[in-house]
Amino acid sequence: VIIDILIKLFKEKERRERAPFDPRFANANQTRNCYQNYVDYYRCVKIMSAKGKDIKSCEWYQRVFTSICPISWINRWDEQRKEGTFPGKI
């Protein structure tokens, strides 16, 4: 019984951590995919917050970009967003 529970938890965790296939970014280089999902997450948060809605629906983008983007890029982009120098329109 415990083994079945552990297997189920492992499969759920594995499913959450992998980014799904996106046909817009079919090649092996996932740089644009990473960047686009980062931007889409913060756009989604901005729009949902402005409408007074829950941002839980935006979490999908966050899971994708955190699974494929190097943490150093995310940290740099977060700093750039705070400074107002981020090279994208959010």
N, C-alpha and C. Protein backbone atom coordinates (compact mmCIF):
# COMPACT_ATOMS: atom_id res chain seq x y z
N VAL A 1 0.83 -1.19 0.00
CA VAL A 1 0.00 0.00 0.00
C VAL A 1 0.87 1.26 0.00
N ILE A 2 1.87 1.29 0.83
CA ILE A 2 2.76 2.45 0.90
C ILE A 2 3.50 2.63 -0.42
N ILE A 3 3.92 1.54 -1.01
CA ILE A 3 4.63 1.62 -2.29
C ILE A 3 3.73 2.20 -3.37
N ASP A 4 2.45 1.79 -3.38
CA ASP A 4 1.51 2.33 -4.36
C ASP A 4 1.34 3.85 -4.19
N ILE A 5 1.28 4.29 -2.96
CA ILE A 5 1.14 5.73 -2.68
C ILE A 5 2.38 6.47 -3.14
N LEU A 6 3.56 5.93 -2.85
CA LEU A 6 4.80 6.57 -3.27
C LEU A 6 4.92 6.64 -4.79
N ILE A 7 4.54 5.57 -5.46
CA ILE A 7 4.57 5.56 -6.93
C ILE A 7 3.62 6.62 -7.48
N LYS A 8 2.44 6.71 -6.92
CA LYS A 8 1.47 7.71 -7.37
C LYS A 8 2.01 9.12 -7.16
N LEU A 9 2.58 9.39 -5.99
CA LEU A 9 3.15 10.71 -5.70
C LEU A 9 4.30 11.03 -6.65
N PHE A 10 5.15 10.05 -6.91
CA PHE A 10 6.28 10.26 -7.82
C PHE A 10 5.79 10.60 -9.22
N LYS A 11 4.78 9.87 -9.70
CA LYS A 11 4.24 10.13 -11.05
C LYS A 11 3.60 11.51 -11.12
N GLU A 12 2.89 11.93 -10.08
CA GLU A 12 2.28 13.25 -10.06
C GLU A 12 3.36 14.34 -10.07
N LYS A 13 4.41 14.14 -9.27
CA LYS A 13 5.50 15.11 -9.22
C LYS A 13 6.21 15.18 -10.56
N GLU A 14 6.46 14.03 -11.17
CA GLU A 14 7.13 13.98 -12.47
C GLU A 14 6.31 14.70 -13.53
N ARG A 15 5.00 14.52 -13.49
CA ARG A 15 4.11 15.16 -14.46
C ARG A 15 4.13 16.68 -14.28
N ARG A 16 4.19 17.16 -13.07
CA ARG A 16 4.19 18.59 -12.79
C ARG A 16 5.47 19.26 -13.23
N GLU A 17 6.58 18.56 -13.10
CA GLU A 17 7.88 19.18 -13.32
C GLU A 17 8.28 19.29 -14.78
N ARG A 18 7.69 18.51 -15.64
CA ARG A 18 8.06 18.56 -17.05
C ARG A 18 7.17 19.52 -17.82
N ALA A 19 7.78 20.29 -18.69
CA ALA A 19 7.01 21.18 -19.55
C ALA A 19 6.38 20.35 -20.66
N PRO A 20 5.12 20.62 -20.97
CA PRO A 20 4.49 19.89 -22.07
C PRO A 20 5.03 20.34 -23.41
N PHE A 21 4.86 19.52 -24.42
CA PHE A 21 5.30 19.88 -25.77
C PHE A 21 4.51 21.08 -26.27
N ASP A 22 5.20 22.04 -26.84
CA ASP A 22 4.57 23.22 -27.42
C ASP A 22 5.00 23.29 -28.88
N PRO A 23 4.07 23.11 -29.82
CA PRO A 23 4.45 23.07 -31.24
C PRO A 23 5.03 24.38 -31.75
N ARG A 24 4.83 25.48 -31.03
CA ARG A 24 5.44 26.74 -31.45
C ARG A 24 6.95 26.70 -31.28
N PHE A 25 7.42 25.83 -30.40
CA PHE A 25 8.84 25.73 -30.10
C PHE A 25 9.28 24.28 -30.24
N ALA A 26 9.19 23.77 -31.45
CA ALA A 26 9.41 22.34 -31.70
C ALA A 26 10.87 21.92 -31.68
N ASN A 27 11.80 22.84 -31.87
CA ASN A 27 13.20 22.43 -31.91
C ASN A 27 13.75 22.18 -30.51
N ALA A 28 14.96 21.70 -30.44
CA ALA A 28 15.56 21.34 -29.16
C ALA A 28 15.89 22.56 -28.31
N ASN A 29 16.19 23.69 -28.92
CA ASN A 29 16.53 24.90 -28.18
C ASN A 29 15.24 25.49 -27.60
N GLN A 30 15.13 25.48 -26.29
CA GLN A 30 13.90 25.92 -25.62
C GLN A 30 14.01 27.33 -25.04
N THR A 31 14.97 28.10 -25.49
CA THR A 31 15.16 29.46 -24.98
C THR A 31 13.92 30.32 -25.19
N ARG A 32 13.38 30.33 -26.40
CA ARG A 32 12.19 31.15 -26.67
C ARG A 32 10.98 30.65 -25.89
N ASN A 33 10.86 29.35 -25.76
CA ASN A 33 9.78 28.77 -24.98
C ASN A 33 9.86 29.24 -23.53
N CYS A 34 11.04 29.19 -22.97
CA CYS A 34 11.29 29.64 -21.61
C CYS A 34 10.87 31.10 -21.45
N TYR A 35 11.39 31.95 -22.31
CA TYR A 35 11.11 33.38 -22.24
C TYR A 35 9.62 33.67 -22.42
N GLN A 36 8.99 33.03 -23.39
CA GLN A 36 7.58 33.30 -23.68
C GLN A 36 6.69 32.90 -22.51
N ASN A 37 6.97 31.79 -21.87
CA ASN A 37 6.16 31.37 -20.73
C ASN A 37 6.39 32.27 -19.52
N TYR A 38 7.61 32.77 -19.36
CA TYR A 38 7.89 33.74 -18.29
C TYR A 38 7.05 34.99 -18.50
N VAL A 39 7.08 35.53 -19.71
CA VAL A 39 6.32 36.74 -20.04
C VAL A 39 4.81 36.46 -19.91
N ASP A 40 4.35 35.33 -20.42
CA ASP A 40 2.93 35.01 -20.35
C ASP A 40 2.44 34.89 -18.91
N TYR A 41 3.27 34.35 -18.03
CA TYR A 41 2.88 34.24 -16.62
C TYR A 41 2.63 35.63 -16.03
N TYR A 42 3.57 36.53 -16.21
CA TYR A 42 3.41 37.85 -15.59
C TYR A 42 2.33 38.69 -16.28
N ARG A 43 2.09 38.46 -17.56
CA ARG A 43 0.95 39.11 -18.22
C ARG A 43 -0.36 38.59 -17.63
N CYS A 44 -0.44 37.28 -17.46
CA CYS A 44 -1.63 36.67 -16.90
C CYS A 44 -1.89 37.20 -15.49
N VAL A 45 -0.85 37.26 -14.67
CA VAL A 45 -0.99 37.77 -13.30
C VAL A 45 -1.49 39.22 -13.33
N LYS A 46 -0.91 40.02 -14.21
CA LYS A 46 -1.31 41.43 -14.31
C LYS A 46 -2.77 41.56 -14.71
N ILE A 47 -3.20 40.79 -15.70
CA ILE A 47 -4.58 40.87 -16.18
C ILE A 47 -5.56 40.36 -15.13
N MET A 48 -5.26 39.22 -14.53
CA MET A 48 -6.16 38.64 -13.54
C MET A 48 -6.26 39.53 -12.30
N SER A 49 -5.15 40.10 -11.89
CA SER A 49 -5.16 41.00 -10.73
C SER A 49 -5.97 42.25 -11.03
N ALA A 50 -5.84 42.78 -12.22
CA ALA A 50 -6.60 43.98 -12.60
C ALA A 50 -8.10 43.71 -12.62
N LYS A 51 -8.48 42.48 -12.96
CA LYS A 51 -9.90 42.11 -12.98
C LYS A 51 -10.40 41.67 -11.61
N GLY A 52 -9.49 41.58 -10.64
CA GLY A 52 -9.87 41.13 -9.31
C GLY A 52 -10.12 39.64 -9.22
N LYS A 53 -9.55 38.89 -10.15
CA LYS A 53 -9.75 37.44 -10.18
C LYS A 53 -8.53 36.74 -9.59
N ASP A 54 -8.72 35.47 -9.26
CA ASP A 54 -7.67 34.65 -8.69
C ASP A 54 -6.60 34.35 -9.74
N ILE A 55 -5.34 34.45 -9.36
CA ILE A 55 -4.24 34.21 -10.31
C ILE A 55 -3.86 32.74 -10.40
N LYS A 56 -4.63 31.89 -9.76
CA LYS A 56 -4.34 30.45 -9.78
C LYS A 56 -4.30 29.90 -11.20
N SER A 57 -5.11 30.46 -12.10
CA SER A 57 -5.12 29.97 -13.48
C SER A 57 -3.81 30.30 -14.20
N CYS A 58 -3.00 31.19 -13.66
CA CYS A 58 -1.73 31.57 -14.27
C CYS A 58 -0.59 30.61 -13.89
N GLU A 59 -0.83 29.78 -12.91
CA GLU A 59 0.24 28.92 -12.39
C GLU A 59 0.80 27.96 -13.42
N TRP A 60 0.01 27.61 -14.43
CA TRP A 60 0.50 26.71 -15.47
C TRP A 60 1.74 27.29 -16.14
N TYR A 61 1.67 28.58 -16.50
CA TYR A 61 2.82 29.23 -17.13
C TYR A 61 4.04 29.21 -16.21
N GLN A 62 3.80 29.44 -14.93
CA GLN A 62 4.90 29.44 -13.97
C GLN A 62 5.54 28.06 -13.87
N ARG A 63 4.72 27.02 -13.83
CA ARG A 63 5.28 25.66 -13.77
C ARG A 63 6.12 25.36 -15.00
N VAL A 64 5.66 25.82 -16.16
CA VAL A 64 6.40 25.55 -17.39
C VAL A 64 7.73 26.29 -17.38
N PHE A 65 7.72 27.60 -17.11
CA PHE A 65 8.99 28.32 -17.19
C PHE A 65 9.95 27.92 -16.09
N THR A 66 9.45 27.56 -14.90
CA THR A 66 10.39 27.12 -13.87
C THR A 66 10.98 25.74 -14.17
N SER A 67 10.30 24.97 -15.01
CA SER A 67 10.84 23.65 -15.34
C SER A 67 11.84 23.69 -16.49
N ILE A 68 11.80 24.73 -17.34
CA ILE A 68 12.72 24.75 -18.48
C ILE A 68 13.72 25.90 -18.47
N CYS A 69 13.49 26.93 -17.65
CA CYS A 69 14.41 28.08 -17.62
C CYS A 69 15.50 27.87 -16.57
N PRO A 70 16.72 28.23 -16.89
CA PRO A 70 17.76 28.23 -15.85
C PRO A 70 17.40 29.25 -14.77
N ILE A 71 17.63 28.90 -13.53
CA ILE A 71 17.27 29.79 -12.41
C ILE A 71 18.00 31.13 -12.51
N SER A 72 19.19 31.14 -13.07
CA SER A 72 19.92 32.40 -13.21
C SER A 72 19.19 33.36 -14.14
N TRP A 73 18.56 32.86 -15.18
CA TRP A 73 17.78 33.71 -16.08
C TRP A 73 16.57 34.28 -15.35
N ILE A 74 15.87 33.40 -14.62
CA ILE A 74 14.68 33.84 -13.89
C ILE A 74 15.05 34.93 -12.89
N ASN A 75 16.13 34.72 -12.15
CA ASN A 75 16.57 35.72 -11.17
C ASN A 75 16.92 37.04 -11.85
N ARG A 76 17.61 36.98 -12.98
CA ARG A 76 17.98 38.20 -13.70
C ARG A 76 16.73 38.92 -14.22
N TRP A 77 15.80 38.16 -14.79
CA TRP A 77 14.56 38.78 -15.30
C TRP A 77 13.73 39.37 -14.17
N ASP A 78 13.70 38.70 -13.01
CA ASP A 78 12.98 39.25 -11.86
C ASP A 78 13.59 40.59 -11.44
N GLU A 79 14.91 40.64 -11.39
CA GLU A 79 15.59 41.90 -11.05
C GLU A 79 15.27 42.98 -12.08
N GLN A 80 15.31 42.62 -13.35
CA GLN A 80 15.02 43.59 -14.41
C GLN A 80 13.58 44.08 -14.33
N ARG A 81 12.65 43.21 -13.98
CA ARG A 81 11.25 43.65 -13.83
C ARG A 81 11.13 44.64 -12.70
N LYS A 82 11.82 44.38 -11.58
CA LYS A 82 11.78 45.29 -10.42
C LYS A 82 12.39 46.64 -10.76
N GLU A 83 13.46 46.62 -11.56
CA GLU A 83 14.14 47.86 -11.94
C GLU A 83 13.43 48.59 -13.08
N GLY A 84 12.53 47.90 -13.77
CA GLY A 84 11.84 48.50 -14.89
C GLY A 84 12.64 48.45 -16.18
N THR A 85 13.62 47.54 -16.23
CA THR A 85 14.46 47.43 -17.42
C THR A 85 14.27 46.09 -18.15
N PHE A 86 13.20 45.38 -17.84
CA PHE A 86 12.98 44.07 -18.45
C PHE A 86 12.75 44.24 -19.96
N PRO A 87 13.43 43.43 -20.78
CA PRO A 87 13.34 43.59 -22.24
C PRO A 87 12.10 42.96 -22.88
N GLY A 88 10.98 43.10 -22.26
CA GLY A 88 9.75 42.56 -22.82
C GLY A 88 8.58 43.37 -22.29
N LYS A 89 7.46 43.22 -22.97
CA LYS A 89 6.28 43.96 -22.55
C LYS A 89 5.39 43.06 -21.70
N ILE A 90 5.33 43.41 -20.44
CA ILE A 90 4.49 42.63 -19.51
C ILE A 90 3.35 43.52 -19.04
